[in-house]
Amino acid sequence: MSESSKPRHGLSVGLTNYGDPDFALYLRRSFVRSMGYSLDMMSRPVIGIADTYSGFNNCHRGVPELVEAVKRGVLAAGGLPLTFPTVSLGEVFLSPTSLMFRNLMAMDTEEMIRAQPMDGVVLIGGCDKTVPAQLMGAVSANRPAINLVTGPMMTSRWHGERLGACTDCRRFWAKYRAGEVSNDEIQDIEGNLATTQGTCAVMGTASTMASIAETLGMILPGTAAIPAVHADRLRAAEATGRAAMRLALEKITPDKIVTPKSVENAIRVLMAIGGSTNAVLHLTAVAGRAGIDIDMKHLNEISDSTPVLVDLKPTGPHYMEDLFAAGGIGAVLRELKPLLNLDCLTVAGETLGERLERPMGPVDRDVIKPLSEPLLPYGGLVSLFGSLAPKGAIFKRSAADPNLFEREGRAVVFNSLEDLSARIDDPDLDVTPDDFLVLQNAGPLSPSGMPEAGYLPIPGKLARAGIKDMVRISDARMSGTAYGSIVLHVTPDAASGGPLAKVRNGDRIRLSVKERRIDLLVAEDELARRPTSAPPVPERGYAQLYRREILQADRGCDFNFLRKQPLGEGRV
């Protein structure tokens, strides 16, 4: 039997094709030996480690240390750890928006897992779009995989007040716009909002996706909320390396973990933690890679039967470090146990039910409420439908003013981000607190690529008059750290010719959270007379691929050709 015809693992997996497999293995081994590896190490199972460190990603400053800890775990379990780089998405460093590059990172991750010789892979990430991109790539590659999140920042202090990125960023910026904070003060605050490595300190998108990854079973139990600078984060990394070896040897692949039942669990936890609206997009995209479609109406059913239990910013006073000290996502899962599918497998090699059978440690009830005494009797997010959003929109009711839930208002329309920037603070802007601010052309097919611009600022003259919230509507996204009565992800988006594109100043719009509706109160014959125009198609590169393949928000803004079951013609 030739070397190449023996059962393959480790460095003999996926041989480069020279037309002679024995030569390919011989050549590969010779080059591996040039890196100083012994024959013993070369014979071991290989665990790839996706290294997403980047000087353009502050959230990932601690990744090199995590890589070394993962290596310890792999070596201790008898494997050979080999690192490889992928795209890294630093949320605040990317133009026009990080979402546009999430699918690129997912492609990079998938192809590098598939193309390189590894029996399993550890995917290290944390910043908002990184974790969903890695989950999408891992599900599509379907090789034994486990995620490791970088963890949240610790908070800082300013004038005796605890600060943490980035809900406090927005809160103080609103005060600055209203004239309540001076130029010197806002600069001082800027230097105290983000003072350690890690992701945002609140229940923003990064922490929400870490919580979802733990619920799905793709990271080790109890690791979602560990602060980035805590020693437990390094111990979790080492344990993740060991777990990756076991997954590789037992051939436990993501398709056994990401299932309709575990996705439903993830939606339920999303509701219970008052998580980010972005998570609906990301979880929908991850599920689509597994051939699972998330019904936005079913999302409402889950929301209505799942109370909010976690009291973190942006909706409460606490931070991720408090959630960690309070018992973490494990404590949340134990409260939700009667509502969960307990037979779901996790990367720990046990089911969710087996995990929750273990004794529970102390729980801080100021941070995590019991199921019998929730913060809210219903979930944090709802889907809205109606003539303005035939395929749905998202509303974070746990972060909004209930007094604005049932409203009819006059539309004040901004036709682009540039128009918004130019006119929002114009003292002559015709706007009142009872109006609905409407932003067009900020969705997935727009040139801006669906940025986190849905958190439209309160017009300057209203902010200075003390107005803190008003209804805002767009096809854009909103940071998970933001708050307000904001309708997001209006689908179809304006750039695809959806009803949002036909809204004009003075039109009446009706919002009813109770009825789950958002309606444009304009006659159909009038709408038919209003023109729409498609954005120009990019001339080259990734932007052209993005424009050609991007799906709408109800499909997670994934690329159609990367879904397990691509949609047919007329998919928009």
Protein backbone atom coordinates (compact mmCIF):
# COMPACT_ATOMS: atom_id res chain seq x y z
CA MET A 1 0.00 0.00 0.00
CA SER A 2 1.40 3.40 -0.98
CA GLU A 3 1.63 6.15 1.61
CA SER A 4 -1.07 8.21 -0.08
CA SER A 5 -3.57 5.30 -0.16
CA LYS A 6 -3.51 4.80 3.63
CA PRO A 7 -6.33 6.26 5.75
CA ARG A 8 -5.68 9.98 5.84
CA HIS A 9 -5.52 12.41 8.69
CA GLY A 10 -3.46 15.43 9.58
CA LEU A 11 -0.94 16.52 7.00
CA SER A 12 -1.94 13.81 4.55
CA VAL A 13 -5.45 15.27 4.16
CA GLY A 14 -6.29 17.14 0.94
CA LEU A 15 -3.12 16.55 -1.02
CA THR A 16 -2.10 19.12 -3.60
CA ASN A 17 -2.75 17.67 -7.04
CA TYR A 18 0.40 17.02 -9.06
CA GLY A 19 -1.00 13.91 -10.70
CA ASP A 20 1.01 11.72 -8.31
CA PRO A 21 -0.41 11.46 -4.74
CA ASP A 22 2.71 9.79 -3.33
CA PHE A 23 4.88 12.59 -4.69
CA ALA A 24 2.44 15.18 -3.29
CA LEU A 25 2.70 13.70 0.20
CA TYR A 26 6.49 13.37 -0.08
CA LEU A 27 6.80 17.00 -1.18
CA ARG A 28 4.45 18.28 1.51
CA ARG A 29 6.29 16.43 4.26
CA SER A 30 9.62 17.77 3.06
CA PHE A 31 8.39 21.34 3.29
CA VAL A 32 6.84 20.72 6.69
CA ARG A 33 10.22 19.43 7.84
CA SER A 34 11.75 22.69 6.67
CA MET A 35 9.72 24.35 9.43
CA GLY A 36 11.48 22.23 12.03
CA TYR A 37 8.71 19.77 12.90
CA SER A 38 9.67 16.31 14.13
CA LEU A 39 8.34 13.12 12.59
CA ASP A 40 6.23 12.58 15.72
CA MET A 41 4.54 15.97 15.38
CA MET A 42 4.03 15.46 11.66
CA SER A 43 2.14 12.23 12.29
CA ARG A 44 -0.43 13.80 14.63
CA PRO A 45 -3.95 15.00 13.81
CA VAL A 46 -3.87 18.65 12.73
CA ILE A 47 -6.04 21.32 14.31
CA GLY A 48 -6.14 24.53 12.32
CA ILE A 49 -6.44 27.77 14.26
CA ALA A 50 -7.97 30.71 12.38
CA ASP A 51 -6.03 33.77 13.50
CA THR A 52 -8.02 36.99 13.04
CA TYR A 53 -5.57 39.36 14.67
CA SER A 54 -5.34 42.68 12.84
CA GLY A 55 -4.03 46.14 13.55
CA PHE A 56 -7.36 47.34 12.19
CA ASN A 57 -9.38 45.38 14.76
CA ASN A 58 -9.18 46.65 18.33
CA CYS A 59 -11.56 43.91 19.53
CA HIS A 60 -8.95 41.31 18.57
CA ARG A 61 -5.93 42.80 20.34
CA GLY A 62 -5.77 39.74 22.60
CA VAL A 63 -5.99 37.14 19.81
CA PRO A 64 -2.23 36.29 19.78
CA GLU A 65 -2.42 35.29 23.44
CA LEU A 66 -5.54 33.23 22.79
CA VAL A 67 -3.81 31.45 19.91
CA GLU A 68 -0.98 30.38 22.20
CA ALA A 69 -3.45 29.08 24.80
CA VAL A 70 -5.35 27.10 22.16
CA LYS A 71 -2.07 25.59 21.00
CA ARG A 72 -1.39 24.40 24.57
CA GLY A 73 -4.70 22.60 24.62
CA VAL A 74 -4.17 20.96 21.23
CA LEU A 75 -0.65 19.81 22.12
CA ALA A 76 -1.80 18.46 25.47
CA ALA A 77 -4.46 16.42 23.69
CA GLY A 78 -1.94 14.94 21.25
CA GLY A 79 -2.54 17.11 18.20
CA LEU A 80 -0.52 19.44 16.01
CA PRO A 81 -1.82 23.05 16.06
CA LEU A 82 -1.25 25.10 12.93
CA THR A 83 -2.39 28.71 12.66
CA PHE A 84 -3.60 30.38 9.50
CA PRO A 85 -4.84 33.92 8.85
CA THR A 86 -8.23 34.95 7.53
CA VAL A 87 -9.97 38.22 6.85
CA SER A 88 -10.50 40.22 10.05
CA LEU A 89 -13.43 42.62 10.35
CA GLY A 90 -12.83 45.59 12.63
CA GLU A 91 -16.27 47.12 13.03
CA VAL A 92 -15.34 50.81 13.13
CA PHE A 93 -12.49 50.61 10.60
CA LEU A 94 -14.38 49.38 7.53
CA SER A 95 -16.01 51.47 4.80
CA PRO A 96 -18.79 51.59 3.88
CA THR A 97 -19.76 49.03 6.55
CA SER A 98 -18.52 45.77 8.02
CA LEU A 99 -21.64 43.87 6.92
CA MET A 100 -20.58 44.23 3.31
CA PHE A 101 -17.47 42.18 4.10
CA ARG A 102 -19.04 39.57 6.39
CA ASN A 103 -19.73 37.30 3.44
CA LEU A 104 -16.18 37.77 2.15
CA MET A 105 -14.82 36.62 5.50
CA ALA A 106 -17.24 33.69 5.48
CA MET A 107 -15.96 32.67 2.04
CA ASP A 108 -12.34 33.02 3.14
CA THR A 109 -12.99 30.95 6.28
CA GLU A 110 -14.88 28.22 4.43
CA GLU A 111 -12.33 27.87 1.66
CA MET A 112 -9.30 27.83 3.95
CA ILE A 113 -10.90 25.17 6.16
CA ARG A 114 -11.67 23.06 3.13
CA ALA A 115 -8.44 23.64 1.19
CA GLN A 116 -5.85 23.09 3.94
CA PRO A 117 -4.96 19.81 5.69
CA MET A 118 -6.73 19.90 9.03
CA ASP A 119 -8.84 17.40 10.95
CA GLY A 120 -10.59 20.13 12.89
CA VAL A 121 -10.49 23.88 13.32
CA VAL A 122 -10.66 26.48 16.07
CA LEU A 123 -12.15 29.77 14.91
CA ILE A 124 -11.08 32.73 17.05
CA GLY A 125 -13.10 35.92 16.71
CA GLY A 126 -15.24 38.41 18.51
CA CYS A 127 -15.95 41.66 16.68
CA ASP A 128 -19.53 42.01 15.47
CA LYS A 129 -19.46 40.40 12.01
CA THR A 130 -16.56 38.05 12.73
CA VAL A 131 -18.39 35.39 14.73
CA PRO A 132 -21.31 35.07 12.26
CA ALA A 133 -18.87 34.98 9.33
CA GLN A 134 -16.93 32.17 11.02
CA LEU A 135 -20.11 30.26 11.84
CA MET A 136 -21.30 30.62 8.25
CA GLY A 137 -17.97 29.38 6.90
CA ALA A 138 -17.78 26.51 9.38
CA VAL A 139 -21.30 25.31 8.63
CA SER A 140 -20.64 25.39 4.87
CA ALA A 141 -17.26 23.63 5.14
CA ASN A 142 -18.76 21.12 7.61
CA ARG A 143 -15.45 19.97 9.06
CA PRO A 144 -15.17 19.52 12.86
CA ALA A 145 -15.13 23.10 14.16
CA ILE A 146 -15.36 25.05 17.40
CA ASN A 147 -15.50 28.79 17.98
CA LEU A 148 -13.65 30.78 20.62
CA VAL A 149 -14.81 34.35 21.25
CA THR A 150 -12.43 37.08 22.33
CA GLY A 151 -14.72 38.25 25.13
CA PRO A 152 -16.06 41.68 26.15
CA MET A 153 -14.14 44.69 27.43
CA MET A 154 -14.13 45.71 31.05
CA THR A 155 -15.75 49.03 31.91
CA SER A 156 -13.97 52.25 32.80
CA ARG A 157 -14.83 55.26 34.98
CA TRP A 158 -15.54 58.92 34.29
CA HIS A 159 -16.45 61.37 37.07
CA GLY A 160 -17.57 58.47 39.25
CA GLU A 161 -19.76 56.94 36.53
CA ARG A 162 -19.09 53.55 34.98
CA LEU A 163 -18.62 53.70 31.21
CA GLY A 164 -18.51 51.01 28.55
CA ALA A 165 -18.57 51.01 24.78
CA CYS A 166 -20.77 51.61 23.09
CA THR A 167 -24.21 52.39 24.52
CA ASP A 168 -22.56 55.07 26.62
CA CYS A 169 -20.87 56.36 23.44
CA ARG A 170 -24.29 57.05 21.95
CA ARG A 171 -25.80 58.37 25.17
CA PHE A 172 -23.10 60.99 25.61
CA TRP A 173 -23.04 61.85 21.92
CA ALA A 174 -26.77 62.59 22.14
CA LYS A 175 -26.05 64.82 25.15
CA TYR A 176 -23.29 66.55 23.18
CA ARG A 177 -25.65 67.18 20.24
CA ALA A 178 -28.20 68.57 22.67
CA GLY A 179 -25.63 70.95 24.15
CA GLU A 180 -25.55 69.20 27.53
CA VAL A 181 -21.89 68.13 27.22
CA SER A 182 -19.03 70.44 26.27
CA ASN A 183 -16.29 69.92 23.67
CA ASP A 184 -13.72 69.27 26.38
CA GLU A 185 -16.00 66.82 28.19
CA ILE A 186 -16.80 64.78 25.06
CA GLN A 187 -13.07 64.40 24.37
CA ASP A 188 -12.50 63.25 27.94
CA ILE A 189 -15.38 60.79 27.66
CA GLU A 190 -13.97 59.53 24.35
CA GLY A 191 -10.79 58.48 26.14
CA ASN A 192 -12.68 56.53 28.79
CA LEU A 193 -15.26 54.57 26.79
CA ALA A 194 -13.05 51.71 25.55
CA THR A 195 -9.97 51.12 27.70
CA THR A 196 -9.23 47.38 27.45
CA GLN A 197 -9.03 44.76 24.73
CA GLY A 198 -12.22 42.95 23.81
CA THR A 199 -15.61 43.60 22.28
CA CYS A 200 -18.18 46.17 23.42
CA ALA A 201 -18.96 45.96 27.12
CA VAL A 202 -22.73 45.86 26.65
CA MET A 203 -25.23 43.46 25.08
CA GLY A 204 -24.38 44.72 21.60
CA THR A 205 -23.99 42.59 18.50
CA ALA A 206 -20.68 41.02 19.52
CA SER A 207 -21.94 39.87 22.92
CA THR A 208 -25.26 38.82 21.43
CA MET A 209 -23.52 36.64 18.84
CA ALA A 210 -21.27 35.14 21.51
CA SER A 211 -24.41 34.28 23.50
CA ILE A 212 -26.03 32.79 20.41
CA ALA A 213 -22.90 30.76 19.61
CA GLU A 214 -23.00 29.30 23.13
CA THR A 215 -26.71 28.51 22.79
CA LEU A 216 -26.21 26.90 19.38
CA GLY A 217 -23.53 24.73 20.98
CA MET A 218 -20.62 26.02 18.87
CA ILE A 219 -18.49 27.39 21.75
CA LEU A 220 -17.76 25.73 25.06
CA PRO A 221 -20.39 26.10 27.79
CA GLY A 222 -19.89 29.11 30.02
CA THR A 223 -17.46 30.94 27.74
CA ALA A 224 -19.61 33.61 26.04
CA ALA A 225 -19.41 36.25 28.76
CA ILE A 226 -15.88 35.81 30.16
CA PRO A 227 -14.19 39.24 29.98
CA ALA A 228 -11.37 39.50 27.44
CA VAL A 229 -8.78 40.33 30.12
CA HIS A 230 -9.84 37.65 32.63
CA ALA A 231 -7.56 34.64 33.16
CA ASP A 232 -10.59 32.40 32.59
CA ARG A 233 -10.56 33.56 28.97
CA LEU A 234 -7.14 31.93 28.50
CA ARG A 235 -8.26 28.80 30.33
CA ALA A 236 -11.27 28.66 28.02
CA ALA A 237 -8.90 28.93 25.05
CA GLU A 238 -6.82 26.01 26.29
CA ALA A 239 -9.97 23.95 26.88
CA THR A 240 -11.14 24.85 23.38
CA GLY A 241 -7.94 23.39 21.93
CA ARG A 242 -8.55 20.14 23.81
CA ALA A 243 -12.20 20.09 22.69
CA ALA A 244 -11.17 20.60 19.06
CA MET A 245 -9.09 17.44 19.22
CA ARG A 246 -12.00 15.44 20.57
CA LEU A 247 -14.33 16.81 17.89
CA ALA A 248 -11.81 15.85 15.22
CA LEU A 249 -11.32 12.32 16.54
CA GLU A 250 -15.07 11.76 16.96
CA LYS A 251 -15.82 13.49 13.65
CA ILE A 252 -18.50 15.74 15.16
CA THR A 253 -19.29 18.24 12.42
CA PRO A 254 -21.35 21.46 12.52
CA ASP A 255 -24.33 19.84 10.78
CA LYS A 256 -24.84 17.76 13.93
CA ILE A 257 -24.89 20.90 16.09
CA VAL A 258 -26.57 23.64 14.00
CA THR A 259 -30.04 22.15 13.56
CA PRO A 260 -33.60 23.52 13.43
CA LYS A 261 -33.94 22.82 17.16
CA SER A 262 -30.70 24.56 18.17
CA VAL A 263 -31.55 27.53 15.94
CA GLU A 264 -34.91 27.81 17.69
CA ASN A 265 -33.08 27.75 21.04
CA ALA A 266 -30.84 30.55 19.79
CA ILE A 267 -33.82 32.70 18.79
CA ARG A 268 -35.34 32.16 22.23
CA VAL A 269 -32.16 33.22 24.01
CA LEU A 270 -31.88 36.23 21.69
CA MET A 271 -35.30 37.31 22.92
CA ALA A 272 -34.51 36.64 26.59
CA ILE A 273 -31.28 38.64 26.65
CA GLY A 274 -32.74 41.66 24.83
CA GLY A 275 -30.13 41.07 22.16
CA SER A 276 -29.10 42.96 19.06
CA THR A 277 -31.35 43.32 16.02
CA ASN A 278 -28.28 42.45 13.94
CA ALA A 279 -28.44 38.94 15.36
CA VAL A 280 -31.62 38.28 13.36
CA LEU A 281 -29.67 38.88 10.15
CA HIS A 282 -26.69 36.84 11.25
CA LEU A 283 -28.58 33.88 12.66
CA THR A 284 -30.74 33.79 9.52
CA ALA A 285 -27.57 33.66 7.40
CA VAL A 286 -25.97 30.95 9.54
CA ALA A 287 -29.15 28.88 9.45
CA GLY A 288 -29.41 29.33 5.67
CA ARG A 289 -25.97 27.73 5.29
CA ALA A 290 -27.45 24.67 7.03
CA GLY A 291 -30.56 24.66 4.83
CA ILE A 292 -32.74 26.08 7.63
CA ASP A 293 -35.08 28.97 6.86
CA ILE A 294 -36.15 31.24 9.73
CA ASP A 295 -39.78 32.29 9.40
CA MET A 296 -40.10 35.88 10.64
CA LYS A 297 -43.67 35.18 11.78
CA HIS A 298 -42.43 32.23 13.83
CA LEU A 299 -39.90 34.63 15.33
CA ASN A 300 -42.86 36.63 16.66
CA GLU A 301 -44.37 33.49 18.18
CA ILE A 302 -41.11 32.76 19.99
CA SER A 303 -40.84 36.39 21.12
CA ASP A 304 -44.36 36.42 22.53
CA SER A 305 -43.65 33.30 24.60
CA THR A 306 -40.15 34.28 25.82
CA PRO A 307 -39.70 36.88 28.57
CA VAL A 308 -36.73 39.24 28.85
CA LEU A 309 -34.56 38.06 31.73
CA VAL A 310 -31.25 39.91 31.33
CA ASP A 311 -30.92 43.51 32.51
CA LEU A 312 -27.93 44.76 30.48
CA LYS A 313 -27.31 47.92 28.53
CA PRO A 314 -28.58 49.18 26.14
CA THR A 315 -31.90 48.44 27.85
CA GLY A 316 -30.76 48.12 31.49
CA PRO A 317 -28.00 49.38 33.79
CA HIS A 318 -25.56 46.45 33.74
CA TYR A 319 -22.61 45.34 31.56
CA MET A 320 -21.22 42.05 30.25
CA GLU A 321 -18.77 41.75 33.15
CA ASP A 322 -21.83 41.78 35.43
CA LEU A 323 -23.48 39.02 33.40
CA PHE A 324 -20.32 36.93 33.74
CA ALA A 325 -20.28 37.43 37.52
CA ALA A 326 -24.03 36.79 37.70
CA GLY A 327 -23.83 33.30 36.20
CA GLY A 328 -23.42 33.91 32.46
CA ILE A 329 -25.50 32.47 29.66
CA GLY A 330 -25.64 29.17 31.55
CA ALA A 331 -27.84 30.82 34.18
CA VAL A 332 -30.08 32.22 31.45
CA LEU A 333 -30.39 28.79 29.83
CA ARG A 334 -31.35 27.22 33.15
CA GLU A 335 -34.16 29.74 33.58
CA LEU A 336 -35.36 29.04 30.05
CA LYS A 337 -35.03 25.27 30.39
CA PRO A 338 -38.80 24.56 30.17
CA LEU A 339 -38.87 26.40 26.83
CA LEU A 340 -35.76 24.88 25.22
CA ASN A 341 -35.02 21.87 23.03
CA LEU A 342 -32.74 19.94 25.38
CA ASP A 343 -31.60 17.17 23.04
CA CYS A 344 -29.32 19.46 21.00
CA LEU A 345 -25.66 18.39 20.78
CA THR A 346 -22.86 20.81 21.71
CA VAL A 347 -19.13 20.99 21.00
CA ALA A 348 -18.58 19.84 24.58
CA GLY A 349 -19.79 16.40 23.47
CA GLU A 350 -22.92 16.60 25.59
CA THR A 351 -26.48 17.70 24.95
CA LEU A 352 -27.88 20.95 26.24
CA GLY A 353 -30.06 18.96 28.63
CA GLU A 354 -27.04 17.13 30.04
CA ARG A 355 -25.28 20.44 30.57
CA LEU A 356 -28.25 21.89 32.45
CA GLU A 357 -28.53 18.85 34.73
CA ARG A 358 -25.37 19.92 36.54
CA PRO A 359 -25.78 21.93 39.75
CA MET A 360 -26.23 25.66 39.22
CA GLY A 361 -23.96 28.14 40.98
CA PRO A 362 -25.13 31.38 42.57
CA VAL A 363 -27.06 33.80 40.35
CA ASP A 364 -27.24 37.57 40.77
CA ARG A 365 -30.93 38.33 40.38
CA ASP A 366 -30.27 42.02 39.81
CA VAL A 367 -28.74 41.00 36.48
CA ILE A 368 -30.54 37.76 35.54
CA LYS A 369 -34.19 37.60 36.53
CA PRO A 370 -36.00 34.33 37.25
CA LEU A 371 -38.46 33.05 34.65
CA SER A 372 -41.28 33.69 37.15
CA GLU A 373 -40.32 37.36 37.60
CA PRO A 374 -39.06 38.64 34.24
CA LEU A 375 -38.14 42.18 33.28
CA LEU A 376 -40.67 41.98 30.46
CA PRO A 377 -43.23 39.21 29.85
CA TYR A 378 -42.32 39.07 26.16
CA GLY A 379 -39.15 39.01 24.06
CA GLY A 380 -37.04 41.98 23.08
CA LEU A 381 -37.57 41.84 19.28
CA VAL A 382 -40.55 41.60 16.96
CA SER A 383 -41.04 41.41 13.21
CA LEU A 384 -43.36 43.89 11.56
CA PHE A 385 -45.21 43.38 8.28
CA GLY A 386 -47.46 45.57 6.18
CA SER A 387 -47.62 47.66 3.03
CA LEU A 388 -44.32 49.40 3.85
CA ALA A 389 -42.50 46.13 4.61
CA PRO A 390 -44.16 43.24 2.72
CA LYS A 391 -41.32 40.87 3.64
CA GLY A 392 -40.82 42.22 7.12
CA ALA A 393 -38.96 44.68 9.31
CA ILE A 394 -37.45 44.43 12.79
CA PHE A 395 -38.32 46.45 15.90
CA LYS A 396 -36.52 46.20 19.24
CA ARG A 397 -39.38 46.82 21.63
CA SER A 398 -37.25 46.25 24.73
CA ALA A 399 -35.16 49.31 23.78
CA ALA A 400 -38.02 51.56 22.70
CA ASP A 401 -40.53 53.94 24.27
CA PRO A 402 -43.88 52.10 24.70
CA ASN A 403 -45.66 55.42 24.24
CA LEU A 404 -44.58 55.31 20.59
CA PHE A 405 -45.70 51.74 19.86
CA GLU A 406 -49.13 52.66 18.46
CA ARG A 407 -48.72 55.75 16.31
CA GLU A 408 -49.59 57.36 13.02
CA GLY A 409 -47.25 60.07 11.81
CA ARG A 410 -46.15 62.27 8.95
CA ALA A 411 -43.10 61.11 7.02
CA VAL A 412 -40.01 63.31 6.97
CA VAL A 413 -37.91 61.64 4.28
CA PHE A 414 -34.15 61.52 3.70
CA ASN A 415 -33.30 59.84 0.41
CA SER A 416 -29.74 58.88 1.31
CA LEU A 417 -27.16 58.99 4.07
CA GLU A 418 -25.69 62.10 2.46
CA ASP A 419 -29.09 63.79 2.50
CA LEU A 420 -29.52 62.83 6.16
CA SER A 421 -26.15 64.26 7.08
CA ALA A 422 -26.80 67.49 5.18
CA ARG A 423 -30.27 68.26 6.56
CA ILE A 424 -30.84 66.60 9.94
CA ASP A 425 -29.59 69.62 11.88
CA ASP A 426 -30.92 72.27 9.53
CA PRO A 427 -32.85 74.72 11.72
CA ASP A 428 -35.35 75.13 8.88
CA LEU A 429 -36.09 71.37 8.68
CA ASP A 430 -39.87 70.90 8.77
CA VAL A 431 -40.11 68.36 11.58
CA THR A 432 -41.99 67.87 14.86
CA PRO A 433 -41.61 65.23 17.60
CA ASP A 434 -44.73 63.47 16.29
CA ASP A 435 -43.29 62.95 12.80
CA PHE A 436 -41.67 59.72 11.55
CA LEU A 437 -38.11 60.11 10.27
CA VAL A 438 -37.64 57.92 7.18
CA LEU A 439 -34.26 57.03 5.66
CA GLN A 440 -34.14 55.48 2.18
CA ASN A 441 -31.35 53.79 0.20
CA ALA A 442 -29.41 52.39 3.15
CA GLY A 443 -30.33 48.73 2.65
CA PRO A 444 -28.30 45.75 1.41
CA LEU A 445 -28.56 46.66 -2.30
CA SER A 446 -27.67 50.31 -1.74
CA PRO A 447 -24.16 51.66 -2.37
CA SER A 448 -23.79 52.05 1.41
CA GLY A 449 -24.27 48.29 1.96
CA MET A 450 -26.75 48.44 4.89
CA PRO A 451 -24.74 50.32 7.53
CA GLU A 452 -25.69 50.84 11.15
CA ALA A 453 -27.37 54.11 10.22
CA GLY A 454 -30.87 53.19 11.35
CA TYR A 455 -30.20 54.96 14.64
CA LEU A 456 -31.11 58.25 12.99
CA PRO A 457 -30.11 61.16 15.21
CA ILE A 458 -32.85 63.28 16.71
CA PRO A 459 -32.90 66.51 14.64
CA GLY A 460 -30.69 69.09 16.28
CA LYS A 461 -33.42 71.58 17.11
CA LEU A 462 -35.58 68.84 18.70
CA ALA A 463 -32.64 67.40 20.66
CA ARG A 464 -31.90 70.84 22.10
CA ALA A 465 -35.57 71.09 23.05
CA GLY A 466 -35.26 67.91 25.12
CA ILE A 467 -36.72 65.30 22.73
CA LYS A 468 -35.07 61.92 23.46
CA ASP A 469 -36.95 59.55 21.13
CA MET A 470 -39.17 59.54 18.07
CA VAL A 471 -40.19 56.94 15.49
CA ARG A 472 -37.47 56.30 12.91
CA ILE A 473 -37.79 53.98 9.91
CA SER A 474 -35.21 52.68 7.44
CA ASP A 475 -33.86 49.75 5.47
CA ALA A 476 -30.59 50.13 7.40
CA ARG A 477 -29.34 48.33 10.49
CA MET A 478 -28.80 49.59 14.04
CA SER A 479 -25.92 48.82 16.36
CA GLY A 480 -26.81 46.38 19.09
CA THR A 481 -25.57 49.02 21.51
CA ALA A 482 -28.23 51.51 20.36
CA TYR A 483 -31.77 52.15 21.59
CA GLY A 484 -34.93 53.97 20.56
CA SER A 485 -38.23 53.47 18.73
CA ILE A 486 -36.61 52.42 15.49
CA VAL A 487 -37.99 50.27 12.65
CA LEU A 488 -35.12 48.52 10.83
CA HIS A 489 -34.36 46.13 7.97
CA VAL A 490 -37.43 47.23 5.97
CA THR A 491 -37.71 44.58 3.25
CA PRO A 492 -37.60 44.85 0.28
CA ASP A 493 -35.14 47.72 0.57
CA ALA A 494 -35.46 50.99 -1.30
CA ALA A 495 -32.60 50.22 -3.72
CA SER A 496 -34.46 47.15 -4.96
CA GLY A 497 -37.59 49.23 -5.65
CA GLY A 498 -39.49 48.26 -2.52
CA PRO A 499 -42.33 50.39 -1.12
CA LEU A 500 -39.86 52.29 1.06
CA ALA A 501 -38.46 53.88 -2.12
CA LYS A 502 -41.85 55.47 -2.83
CA VAL A 503 -42.33 57.26 0.47
CA ARG A 504 -42.51 61.03 0.09
CA ASN A 505 -42.49 63.93 2.55
CA GLY A 506 -45.92 64.35 4.11
CA ASP A 507 -47.09 60.75 3.55
CA ARG A 508 -48.82 59.18 6.51
CA ILE A 509 -47.36 56.01 8.06
CA ARG A 510 -48.97 53.86 10.72
CA LEU A 511 -46.95 51.82 13.25
CA SER A 512 -48.64 49.20 15.41
CA VAL A 513 -46.37 47.00 17.48
CA LYS A 514 -49.46 45.30 18.92
CA GLU A 515 -50.64 44.29 15.44
CA ARG A 516 -47.05 43.74 14.18
CA ARG A 517 -47.66 46.16 11.31
CA ILE A 518 -45.95 49.06 9.55
CA ASP A 519 -48.11 50.55 6.79
CA LEU A 520 -47.72 53.32 4.25
CA LEU A 521 -51.13 55.02 4.07
CA VAL A 522 -50.98 55.98 0.41
CA ALA A 523 -53.31 54.72 -2.30
CA GLU A 524 -51.92 52.01 -4.57
CA ASP A 525 -52.62 53.96 -7.74
CA GLU A 526 -50.64 56.92 -6.38
CA LEU A 527 -47.71 54.65 -5.45
CA ALA A 528 -47.77 53.15 -8.95
CA ARG A 529 -47.16 56.62 -10.40
CA ARG A 530 -44.10 57.26 -8.25
CA PRO A 531 -40.81 56.36 -9.95
CA THR A 532 -37.92 54.41 -8.43
CA SER A 533 -34.38 53.99 -9.72
CA ALA A 534 -31.82 51.24 -9.25
CA PRO A 535 -28.34 52.11 -7.97
CA PRO A 536 -25.43 51.80 -10.41
CA VAL A 537 -23.78 48.38 -10.62
CA PRO A 538 -20.16 48.45 -9.39
CA GLU A 539 -17.65 48.00 -12.18
CA ARG A 540 -15.28 45.46 -10.65
CA GLY A 541 -14.11 43.28 -7.81
CA TYR A 542 -15.86 42.14 -4.70
CA ALA A 543 -18.36 45.00 -4.85
CA GLN A 544 -19.68 43.65 -8.15
CA LEU A 545 -20.00 40.13 -6.73
CA TYR A 546 -21.75 41.59 -3.68
CA ARG A 547 -24.25 43.49 -5.79
CA ARG A 548 -25.00 40.46 -7.97
CA GLU A 549 -25.48 37.89 -5.20
CA ILE A 550 -26.65 39.75 -2.07
CA LEU A 551 -30.02 38.72 -0.68
CA GLN A 552 -32.46 40.82 1.30
CA ALA A 553 -32.62 41.08 5.08
CA ASP A 554 -35.24 38.35 5.39
CA ARG A 555 -32.59 35.94 4.05
CA GLY A 556 -29.84 37.25 6.29
CA CYS A 557 -28.10 39.31 3.56
CA ASP A 558 -26.11 36.24 2.58
CA PHE A 559 -24.94 35.57 -0.95
CA ASN A 560 -27.48 33.48 -2.77
CA PHE A 561 -24.93 31.08 -4.27
CA LEU A 562 -23.52 30.28 -0.80
CA ARG A 563 -26.80 29.16 0.75
CA LYS A 564 -27.26 25.42 1.04
CA GLN A 565 -30.41 25.84 -1.04
CA PRO A 566 -30.02 28.90 -3.31
CA LEU A 567 -33.17 30.78 -4.22
CA GLY A 568 -34.45 30.89 -7.80
CA GLU A 569 -35.09 33.83 -10.11
CA GLY A 570 -36.95 36.81 -8.70
CA ARG A 571 -35.40 36.23 -5.29
CA VAL A 572 -35.52 39.94 -4.34
